[in-house]
Amino acid sequence: MPSLKTELYPEATSRHSKTSEAYLKAKRAIRNEWISGLTGAFLAMFICGHLILESSILLGKDAYQWTVHLLEVTIPIAKPIVIFVTTVFFIHFVWASRKIPGKLEDRKRMMELGKKIKGSKKLWNQDKKLETSLARHFETSLWIWQVRTGMIVLATGAFHLILVAWNIFTDMGVFGQAPGLSVEVATSRVESGLWILYAVLMFAVVTHMAIGVYRLLVKWFADTWFVRRYSRILFYFLFWFYIVLGIATTIGLAGPWEGLLS
């Protein structure tokens, strides 16, 4: 509706007008949801593909080196991907961080809520067969874990991206070492003790990715052809498949399981 002209309010503006504050606020909220959702969806697809490619170490060093050669020589997309993913990573953080409690008091309340949800099931003495029986709030638990893992991914993921960019674009200060990925550099990073960081990053990023995909599907497709039950099945599949694959890959890069599938 356009502006309203009455005797009391000659230039009154409807709150449903496209120039009203309520409309503009809602428009900004939708825009922010699209930005955080699309960047999150892209990063989720990248993580899935990245872990599959990294798992080539389970076929041996030759398979891993072939994968590196494919991405750097045959299809030279390694450098553009690092730049693009790093940019999207920080864009996603800026827009998604709007939902992270900013005040210390709010974060304490979130932690308390998480503890109450975790322990609440023990306090409920009820018949589980009843339709009115209560259960742990799955959605709230996921949101809390998404916030927690998001903070971990920001710290460890940023370090990993900087390290990989340093590796791809420079010789890393090592005389005689050519810029670019290699199986020797990748395995030496993990074997040198960084496996702890990569194990934490792997768990956090897989958890964050699986929850993010679930919440995106619920937000935009719940109660449609892609019902909530299918979203939950996909969540469990993504989580457990990539957790197992990530653990095997981390161990493979550290040495013990290298070439396990060869």
C-alpha atoms as a PDB file:
ATOM      1  CA  MET A   1       0.000   0.000   0.000  1.00  0.00           C
ATOM      2  CA  PRO A   2       1.189   3.537  -0.723  1.00  0.00           C
ATOM      3  CA  SER A   3       1.086   6.370   1.795  1.00  0.00           C
ATOM      4  CA  LEU A   4      -2.197   7.022   3.566  1.00  0.00           C
ATOM      5  CA  LYS A   5      -3.729  10.485   3.596  1.00  0.00           C
ATOM      6  CA  THR A   6      -6.223  11.173   6.360  1.00  0.00           C
ATOM      7  CA  GLU A   7      -7.327  14.208   8.277  1.00  0.00           C
ATOM      8  CA  LEU A   8      -5.372  13.203  11.359  1.00  0.00           C
ATOM      9  CA  TYR A   9      -2.303  11.930   9.523  1.00  0.00           C
ATOM     10  CA  PRO A  10      -2.026  13.626   6.108  1.00  0.00           C
ATOM     11  CA  GLU A  11       1.253  11.850   5.286  1.00  0.00           C
ATOM     12  CA  ALA A  12       0.812   8.645   7.236  1.00  0.00           C
ATOM     13  CA  THR A  13       2.629   5.636   5.774  1.00  0.00           C
ATOM     14  CA  SER A  14       1.296   2.117   5.945  1.00  0.00           C
ATOM     15  CA  ARG A  15       3.539  -0.326   7.808  1.00  0.00           C
ATOM     16  CA  HIS A  16       3.071  -2.614   4.802  1.00  0.00           C
ATOM     17  CA  SER A  17       4.404  -0.040   2.373  1.00  0.00           C
ATOM     18  CA  LYS A  18       7.673  -0.775   0.571  1.00  0.00           C
ATOM     19  CA  THR A  19       9.115   2.329   2.186  1.00  0.00           C
ATOM     20  CA  SER A  20       8.078   1.426   5.725  1.00  0.00           C
ATOM     21  CA  GLU A  21      10.674   0.485   8.334  1.00  0.00           C
ATOM     22  CA  ALA A  22       9.025  -2.914   8.928  1.00  0.00           C
ATOM     23  CA  TYR A  23       9.210  -3.783   5.221  1.00  0.00           C
ATOM     24  CA  LEU A  24      12.829  -2.662   4.879  1.00  0.00           C
ATOM     25  CA  LYS A  25      13.807  -4.564   8.028  1.00  0.00           C
ATOM     26  CA  ALA A  26      12.161  -7.743   6.724  1.00  0.00           C
ATOM     27  CA  LYS A  27      13.840  -7.266   3.342  1.00  0.00           C
ATOM     28  CA  ARG A  28      17.250  -6.949   4.992  1.00  0.00           C
ATOM     29  CA  ALA A  29      16.584 -10.074   7.076  1.00  0.00           C
ATOM     30  CA  ILE A  30      15.687 -12.089   3.964  1.00  0.00           C
ATOM     31  CA  ARG A  31      18.765 -10.795   2.148  1.00  0.00           C
ATOM     32  CA  ASN A  32      20.995 -11.773   5.081  1.00  0.00           C
ATOM     33  CA  GLU A  33      19.410 -15.244   5.198  1.00  0.00           C
ATOM     34  CA  TRP A  34      20.067 -15.731   1.482  1.00  0.00           C
ATOM     35  CA  ILE A  35      23.702 -14.651   1.795  1.00  0.00           C
ATOM     36  CA  SER A  36      24.457 -16.840   4.814  1.00  0.00           C
ATOM     37  CA  GLY A  37      22.451 -19.740   3.345  1.00  0.00           C
ATOM     38  CA  LEU A  38      24.013 -19.697  -0.131  1.00  0.00           C
ATOM     39  CA  THR A  39      27.567 -19.262   1.155  1.00  0.00           C
ATOM     40  CA  GLY A  40      26.943 -22.027   3.682  1.00  0.00           C
ATOM     41  CA  ALA A  41      25.557 -24.351   0.991  1.00  0.00           C
ATOM     42  CA  PHE A  42      28.605 -23.718  -1.202  1.00  0.00           C
ATOM     43  CA  LEU A  43      31.008 -24.380   1.669  1.00  0.00           C
ATOM     44  CA  ALA A  44      29.127 -27.575   2.573  1.00  0.00           C
ATOM     45  CA  MET A  45      29.514 -28.872  -0.997  1.00  0.00           C
ATOM     46  CA  PHE A  46      33.178 -27.862  -0.979  1.00  0.00           C
ATOM     47  CA  ILE A  47      33.830 -29.703   2.310  1.00  0.00           C
ATOM     48  CA  CYS A  48      32.176 -32.869   0.980  1.00  0.00           C
ATOM     49  CA  GLY A  49      34.279 -32.777  -2.191  1.00  0.00           C
ATOM     50  CA  HIS A  50      37.447 -31.756  -0.341  1.00  0.00           C
ATOM     51  CA  LEU A  51      37.269 -34.669   2.100  1.00  0.00           C
ATOM     52  CA  ILE A  52      36.654 -37.117  -0.753  1.00  0.00           C
ATOM     53  CA  LEU A  53      39.729 -35.839  -2.596  1.00  0.00           C
ATOM     54  CA  GLU A  54      41.831 -35.861   0.589  1.00  0.00           C
ATOM     55  CA  SER A  55      40.829 -39.470   1.218  1.00  0.00           C
ATOM     56  CA  SER A  56      42.785 -40.469  -1.897  1.00  0.00           C
ATOM     57  CA  ILE A  57      45.709 -40.954   0.522  1.00  0.00           C
ATOM     58  CA  LEU A  58      43.971 -44.190   1.524  1.00  0.00           C
ATOM     59  CA  LEU A  59      44.827 -45.472  -1.968  1.00  0.00           C
ATOM     60  CA  GLY A  60      48.491 -44.600  -1.481  1.00  0.00           C
ATOM     61  CA  LYS A  61      50.848 -41.688  -2.071  1.00  0.00           C
ATOM     62  CA  ASP A  62      50.713 -42.136  -5.841  1.00  0.00           C
ATOM     63  CA  ALA A  63      46.928 -41.724  -5.835  1.00  0.00           C
ATOM     64  CA  TYR A  64      47.201 -38.603  -3.675  1.00  0.00           C
ATOM     65  CA  GLN A  65      49.892 -37.122  -5.918  1.00  0.00           C
ATOM     66  CA  TRP A  66      47.763 -37.885  -8.989  1.00  0.00           C
ATOM     67  CA  THR A  67      44.897 -35.956  -7.386  1.00  0.00           C
ATOM     68  CA  VAL A  68      47.234 -33.024  -6.677  1.00  0.00           C
ATOM     69  CA  HIS A  69      48.502 -33.081 -10.276  1.00  0.00           C
ATOM     70  CA  LEU A  70      44.908 -33.113 -11.524  1.00  0.00           C
ATOM     71  CA  LEU A  71      44.022 -29.978  -9.557  1.00  0.00           C
ATOM     72  CA  GLU A  72      47.229 -28.050 -10.207  1.00  0.00           C
ATOM     73  CA  VAL A  73      48.273 -29.049 -13.732  1.00  0.00           C
ATOM     74  CA  THR A  74      45.586 -30.930 -15.650  1.00  0.00           C
ATOM     75  CA  ILE A  75      42.796 -28.654 -14.393  1.00  0.00           C
ATOM     76  CA  PRO A  76      44.656 -25.722 -12.801  1.00  0.00           C
ATOM     77  CA  ILE A  77      41.960 -24.724 -10.323  1.00  0.00           C
ATOM     78  CA  ALA A  78      43.799 -25.098  -6.998  1.00  0.00           C
ATOM     79  CA  LYS A  79      44.868 -21.445  -6.704  1.00  0.00           C
ATOM     80  CA  PRO A  80      41.521 -19.906  -7.794  1.00  0.00           C
ATOM     81  CA  ILE A  81      39.656 -22.273  -5.465  1.00  0.00           C
ATOM     82  CA  VAL A  82      41.797 -21.306  -2.452  1.00  0.00           C
ATOM     83  CA  ILE A  83      41.150 -17.594  -3.095  1.00  0.00           C
ATOM     84  CA  PHE A  84      37.433 -18.080  -3.727  1.00  0.00           C
ATOM     85  CA  VAL A  85      36.848 -20.439  -0.781  1.00  0.00           C
ATOM     86  CA  THR A  86      38.740 -18.147   1.606  1.00  0.00           C
ATOM     87  CA  THR A  87      36.600 -15.198   0.479  1.00  0.00           C
ATOM     88  CA  VAL A  88      33.344 -17.142   0.825  1.00  0.00           C
ATOM     89  CA  PHE A  89      34.501 -18.521   4.187  1.00  0.00           C
ATOM     90  CA  PHE A  90      34.854 -15.074   5.726  1.00  0.00           C
ATOM     91  CA  ILE A  91      31.674 -13.748   4.063  1.00  0.00           C
ATOM     92  CA  HIS A  92      29.763 -16.663   5.540  1.00  0.00           C
ATOM     93  CA  PHE A  93      31.255 -16.019   8.970  1.00  0.00           C
ATOM     94  CA  VAL A  94      30.321 -12.322   8.932  1.00  0.00           C
ATOM     95  CA  TRP A  95      26.701 -12.983   7.954  1.00  0.00           C
ATOM     96  CA  ALA A  96      26.194 -16.168   9.970  1.00  0.00           C
ATOM     97  CA  SER A  97      27.760 -14.650  13.096  1.00  0.00           C
ATOM     98  CA  ARG A  98      24.696 -12.407  13.425  1.00  0.00           C
ATOM     99  CA  LYS A  99      23.044 -15.326  15.210  1.00  0.00           C
ATOM    100  CA  ILE A 100      25.913 -15.962  17.613  1.00  0.00           C
ATOM    101  CA  PRO A 101      25.254 -14.447  21.056  1.00  0.00           C
ATOM    102  CA  GLY A 102      27.430 -11.371  21.206  1.00  0.00           C
ATOM    103  CA  LYS A 103      27.239 -10.589  24.902  1.00  0.00           C
ATOM    104  CA  LEU A 104      28.982 -12.683  27.555  1.00  0.00           C
ATOM    105  CA  GLU A 105      25.708 -12.912  29.471  1.00  0.00           C
ATOM    106  CA  ASP A 106      23.923 -14.343  26.428  1.00  0.00           C
ATOM    107  CA  ARG A 107      26.701 -16.892  25.874  1.00  0.00           C
ATOM    108  CA  LYS A 108      26.444 -18.008  29.495  1.00  0.00           C
ATOM    109  CA  ARG A 109      22.702 -18.452  29.059  1.00  0.00           C
ATOM    110  CA  MET A 110      23.333 -20.527  25.912  1.00  0.00           C
ATOM    111  CA  MET A 111      25.766 -22.761  27.829  1.00  0.00           C
ATOM    112  CA  GLU A 112      23.268 -23.177  30.653  1.00  0.00           C
ATOM    113  CA  LEU A 113      20.554 -24.053  28.129  1.00  0.00           C
ATOM    114  CA  GLY A 114      22.800 -26.694  26.596  1.00  0.00           C
ATOM    115  CA  LYS A 115      23.485 -28.262  29.993  1.00  0.00           C
ATOM    116  CA  LYS A 116      19.779 -28.278  30.874  1.00  0.00           C
ATOM    117  CA  ILE A 117      18.838 -29.930  27.573  1.00  0.00           C
ATOM    118  CA  LYS A 118      21.558 -32.553  28.066  1.00  0.00           C
ATOM    119  CA  GLY A 119      20.422 -33.420  31.564  1.00  0.00           C
ATOM    120  CA  SER A 120      16.696 -32.893  31.192  1.00  0.00           C
ATOM    121  CA  LYS A 121      15.969 -36.363  29.839  1.00  0.00           C
ATOM    122  CA  LYS A 122      17.150 -37.929  33.085  1.00  0.00           C
ATOM    123  CA  LEU A 123      14.623 -35.869  35.031  1.00  0.00           C
ATOM    124  CA  TRP A 124      11.599 -36.774  32.918  1.00  0.00           C
ATOM    125  CA  ASN A 125       9.701 -39.686  34.361  1.00  0.00           C
ATOM    126  CA  GLN A 126       7.066 -40.332  31.738  1.00  0.00           C
ATOM    127  CA  ASP A 127       5.659 -42.945  29.417  1.00  0.00           C
ATOM    128  CA  LYS A 128       7.512 -42.652  26.109  1.00  0.00           C
ATOM    129  CA  LYS A 129       4.586 -44.264  24.280  1.00  0.00           C
ATOM    130  CA  LEU A 130       2.301 -41.352  25.023  1.00  0.00           C
ATOM    131  CA  GLU A 131       1.748 -38.884  22.195  1.00  0.00           C
ATOM    132  CA  THR A 132       2.191 -36.032  24.648  1.00  0.00           C
ATOM    133  CA  SER A 133       5.522 -37.287  25.997  1.00  0.00           C
ATOM    134  CA  LEU A 134       8.384 -34.809  25.899  1.00  0.00           C
ATOM    135  CA  ALA A 135      11.729 -35.395  24.229  1.00  0.00           C
ATOM    136  CA  ARG A 136      14.998 -33.537  24.061  1.00  0.00           C
ATOM    137  CA  HIS A 137      14.647 -30.577  21.750  1.00  0.00           C
ATOM    138  CA  PHE A 138      16.584 -31.785  18.700  1.00  0.00           C
ATOM    139  CA  GLU A 139      16.495 -28.434  16.910  1.00  0.00           C
ATOM    140  CA  THR A 140      17.758 -26.433  19.893  1.00  0.00           C
ATOM    141  CA  SER A 141      20.563 -28.916  20.537  1.00  0.00           C
ATOM    142  CA  LEU A 142      21.661 -28.665  16.909  1.00  0.00           C
ATOM    143  CA  TRP A 143      21.671 -24.869  17.027  1.00  0.00           C
ATOM    144  CA  ILE A 144      23.858 -24.876  20.138  1.00  0.00           C
ATOM    145  CA  TRP A 145      26.325 -27.285  18.545  1.00  0.00           C
ATOM    146  CA  GLN A 146      26.315 -25.301  15.324  1.00  0.00           C
ATOM    147  CA  VAL A 147      27.359 -22.191  17.257  1.00  0.00           C
ATOM    148  CA  ARG A 148      30.037 -24.083  19.187  1.00  0.00           C
ATOM    149  CA  THR A 149      31.547 -25.777  16.136  1.00  0.00           C
ATOM    150  CA  GLY A 150      31.287 -22.564  14.125  1.00  0.00           C
ATOM    151  CA  MET A 151      33.610 -20.804  16.562  1.00  0.00           C
ATOM    152  CA  ILE A 152      36.079 -23.710  16.377  1.00  0.00           C
ATOM    153  CA  VAL A 153      35.950 -23.791  12.570  1.00  0.00           C
ATOM    154  CA  LEU A 154      36.598 -20.052  12.387  1.00  0.00           C
ATOM    155  CA  ALA A 155      39.855 -20.379  14.357  1.00  0.00           C
ATOM    156  CA  THR A 156      41.195 -23.678  13.007  1.00  0.00           C
ATOM    157  CA  GLY A 157      39.767 -23.259   9.494  1.00  0.00           C
ATOM    158  CA  ALA A 158      41.300 -19.802   9.064  1.00  0.00           C
ATOM    159  CA  PHE A 159      44.692 -21.202  10.127  1.00  0.00           C
ATOM    160  CA  HIS A 160      44.338 -24.094   7.659  1.00  0.00           C
ATOM    161  CA  LEU A 161      43.375 -21.808   4.758  1.00  0.00           C
ATOM    162  CA  ILE A 162      46.304 -19.481   5.447  1.00  0.00           C
ATOM    163  CA  LEU A 163      48.674 -22.452   5.658  1.00  0.00           C
ATOM    164  CA  VAL A 164      47.395 -23.973   2.396  1.00  0.00           C
ATOM    165  CA  ALA A 165      47.598 -20.595   0.602  1.00  0.00           C
ATOM    166  CA  TRP A 166      51.185 -20.189   1.860  1.00  0.00           C
ATOM    167  CA  ASN A 167      51.906 -23.683   0.561  1.00  0.00           C
ATOM    168  CA  ILE A 168      50.342 -23.152  -2.882  1.00  0.00           C
ATOM    169  CA  PHE A 169      51.655 -19.670  -3.658  1.00  0.00           C
ATOM    170  CA  THR A 170      55.159 -19.822  -2.103  1.00  0.00           C
ATOM    171  CA  ASP A 171      57.991 -22.205  -1.302  1.00  0.00           C
ATOM    172  CA  MET A 172      57.145 -21.754   2.411  1.00  0.00           C
ATOM    173  CA  GLY A 173      60.689 -20.530   3.049  1.00  0.00           C
ATOM    174  CA  VAL A 174      62.153 -23.954   2.270  1.00  0.00           C
ATOM    175  CA  PHE A 175      65.069 -23.751  -0.155  1.00  0.00           C
ATOM    176  CA  GLY A 176      64.531 -25.894  -3.238  1.00  0.00           C
ATOM    177  CA  GLN A 177      60.871 -26.573  -2.534  1.00  0.00           C
ATOM    178  CA  ALA A 178      58.577 -25.700  -5.430  1.00  0.00           C
ATOM    179  CA  PRO A 179      55.355 -23.807  -4.691  1.00  0.00           C
ATOM    180  CA  GLY A 180      52.264 -25.979  -4.785  1.00  0.00           C
ATOM    181  CA  LEU A 181      50.669 -28.988  -3.153  1.00  0.00           C
ATOM    182  CA  SER A 182      52.491 -32.281  -2.797  1.00  0.00           C
ATOM    183  CA  VAL A 183      51.999 -35.490  -0.901  1.00  0.00           C
ATOM    184  CA  GLU A 184      55.267 -34.913   0.991  1.00  0.00           C
ATOM    185  CA  VAL A 185      54.181 -31.507   2.303  1.00  0.00           C
ATOM    186  CA  ALA A 186      50.656 -32.701   3.163  1.00  0.00           C
ATOM    187  CA  THR A 187      51.821 -35.746   5.110  1.00  0.00           C
ATOM    188  CA  SER A 188      54.664 -33.899   6.828  1.00  0.00           C
ATOM    189  CA  ARG A 189      52.200 -31.309   8.172  1.00  0.00           C
ATOM    190  CA  VAL A 190      50.116 -34.016   9.807  1.00  0.00           C
ATOM    191  CA  GLU A 191      53.065 -36.121  10.978  1.00  0.00           C
ATOM    192  CA  SER A 192      54.744 -33.089  12.575  1.00  0.00           C
ATOM    193  CA  GLY A 193      52.021 -32.863  15.219  1.00  0.00           C
ATOM    194  CA  LEU A 194      49.390 -30.862  13.387  1.00  0.00           C
ATOM    195  CA  TRP A 195      47.234 -33.987  13.300  1.00  0.00           C
ATOM    196  CA  ILE A 196      45.702 -32.783  16.580  1.00  0.00           C
ATOM    197  CA  LEU A 197      44.599 -29.513  14.970  1.00  0.00           C
ATOM    198  CA  TYR A 198      43.341 -31.318  11.863  1.00  0.00           C
ATOM    199  CA  ALA A 199      41.431 -33.845  13.973  1.00  0.00           C
ATOM    200  CA  VAL A 200      39.680 -31.012  15.827  1.00  0.00           C
ATOM    201  CA  LEU A 201      39.037 -29.137  12.571  1.00  0.00           C
ATOM    202  CA  MET A 202      37.701 -32.248  10.872  1.00  0.00           C
ATOM    203  CA  PHE A 203      35.234 -33.033  13.664  1.00  0.00           C
ATOM    204  CA  ALA A 204      34.091 -29.415  13.969  1.00  0.00           C
ATOM    205  CA  VAL A 205      33.722 -28.766  10.251  1.00  0.00           C
ATOM    206  CA  VAL A 206      31.861 -32.037   9.577  1.00  0.00           C
ATOM    207  CA  THR A 207      29.495 -31.419  12.492  1.00  0.00           C
ATOM    208  CA  HIS A 208      28.927 -27.814  11.441  1.00  0.00           C
ATOM    209  CA  MET A 209      28.390 -28.845   7.814  1.00  0.00           C
ATOM    210  CA  ALA A 210      25.898 -31.611   8.599  1.00  0.00           C
ATOM    211  CA  ILE A 211      23.905 -29.379  10.953  1.00  0.00           C
ATOM    212  CA  GLY A 212      23.999 -26.522   8.457  1.00  0.00           C
ATOM    213  CA  VAL A 213      22.624 -28.693   5.650  1.00  0.00           C
ATOM    214  CA  TYR A 214      19.876 -30.007   7.925  1.00  0.00           C
ATOM    215  CA  ARG A 215      18.828 -26.552   9.102  1.00  0.00           C
ATOM    216  CA  LEU A 216      18.856 -25.154   5.564  1.00  0.00           C
ATOM    217  CA  LEU A 217      16.566 -27.937   4.365  1.00  0.00           C
ATOM    218  CA  VAL A 218      14.244 -27.504   7.336  1.00  0.00           C
ATOM    219  CA  LYS A 219      14.185 -23.727   6.903  1.00  0.00           C
ATOM    220  CA  TRP A 220      13.328 -23.711   3.194  1.00  0.00           C
ATOM    221  CA  PHE A 221      11.779 -27.128   2.475  1.00  0.00           C
ATOM    222  CA  ALA A 222      10.253 -28.427   5.726  1.00  0.00           C
ATOM    223  CA  ASP A 223       6.694 -29.737   5.392  1.00  0.00           C
ATOM    224  CA  THR A 224       7.041 -29.893   1.605  1.00  0.00           C
ATOM    225  CA  TRP A 225       8.033 -32.863  -0.553  1.00  0.00           C
ATOM    226  CA  PHE A 226      11.319 -32.990   1.395  1.00  0.00           C
ATOM    227  CA  VAL A 227       9.874 -33.586   4.817  1.00  0.00           C
ATOM    228  CA  ARG A 228      11.728 -33.112   8.098  1.00  0.00           C
ATOM    229  CA  ARG A 229      12.262 -36.873   8.498  1.00  0.00           C
ATOM    230  CA  TYR A 230      14.296 -37.027   5.266  1.00  0.00           C
ATOM    231  CA  SER A 231      16.344 -34.038   6.428  1.00  0.00           C
ATOM    232  CA  ARG A 232      17.184 -35.844   9.651  1.00  0.00           C
ATOM    233  CA  ILE A 233      18.211 -38.997   7.771  1.00  0.00           C
ATOM    234  CA  LEU A 234      20.487 -36.926   5.537  1.00  0.00           C
ATOM    235  CA  PHE A 235      21.958 -35.201   8.597  1.00  0.00           C
ATOM    236  CA  TYR A 236      22.929 -38.505  10.222  1.00  0.00           C
ATOM    237  CA  PHE A 237      24.316 -39.847   6.949  1.00  0.00           C
ATOM    238  CA  LEU A 238      26.492 -36.769   6.286  1.00  0.00           C
ATOM    239  CA  PHE A 239      27.702 -36.693   9.868  1.00  0.00           C
ATOM    240  CA  TRP A 240      28.694 -40.332  10.277  1.00  0.00           C
ATOM    241  CA  PHE A 241      29.978 -40.895   6.715  1.00  0.00           C
ATOM    242  CA  TYR A 242      32.306 -37.902   6.765  1.00  0.00           C
ATOM    243  CA  ILE A 243      33.369 -38.398  10.393  1.00  0.00           C
ATOM    244  CA  VAL A 244      34.502 -41.942   9.608  1.00  0.00           C
ATOM    245  CA  LEU A 245      36.088 -40.832   6.317  1.00  0.00           C
ATOM    246  CA  GLY A 246      37.771 -37.884   8.038  1.00  0.00           C
ATOM    247  CA  ILE A 247      39.227 -40.024  10.820  1.00  0.00           C
ATOM    248  CA  ALA A 248      40.562 -42.553   8.301  1.00  0.00           C
ATOM    249  CA  THR A 249      42.043 -39.769   6.150  1.00  0.00           C
ATOM    250  CA  THR A 250      43.733 -38.073   9.102  1.00  0.00           C
ATOM    251  CA  ILE A 251      45.277 -41.378  10.176  1.00  0.00           C
ATOM    252  CA  GLY A 252      46.261 -42.059   6.551  1.00  0.00           C
ATOM    253  CA  LEU A 253      48.023 -38.697   6.237  1.00  0.00           C
ATOM    254  CA  ALA A 254      49.811 -39.427   9.519  1.00  0.00           C
ATOM    255  CA  GLY A 255      51.182 -42.645   8.047  1.00  0.00           C
ATOM    256  CA  PRO A 256      49.613 -45.764   9.624  1.00  0.00           C
ATOM    257  CA  TRP A 257      46.720 -46.180   7.150  1.00  0.00           C
ATOM    258  CA  GLU A 258      48.416 -44.853   4.044  1.00  0.00           C
ATOM    259  CA  GLY A 259      47.383 -47.012   1.114  1.00  0.00           C
ATOM    260  CA  LEU A 260      44.830 -48.868   3.230  1.00  0.00           C
ATOM    261  CA  LEU A 261      42.485 -49.374   0.242  1.00  0.00           C
ATOM    262  CA  SER A 262      45.173 -50.050  -2.343  1.00  0.00           C
END
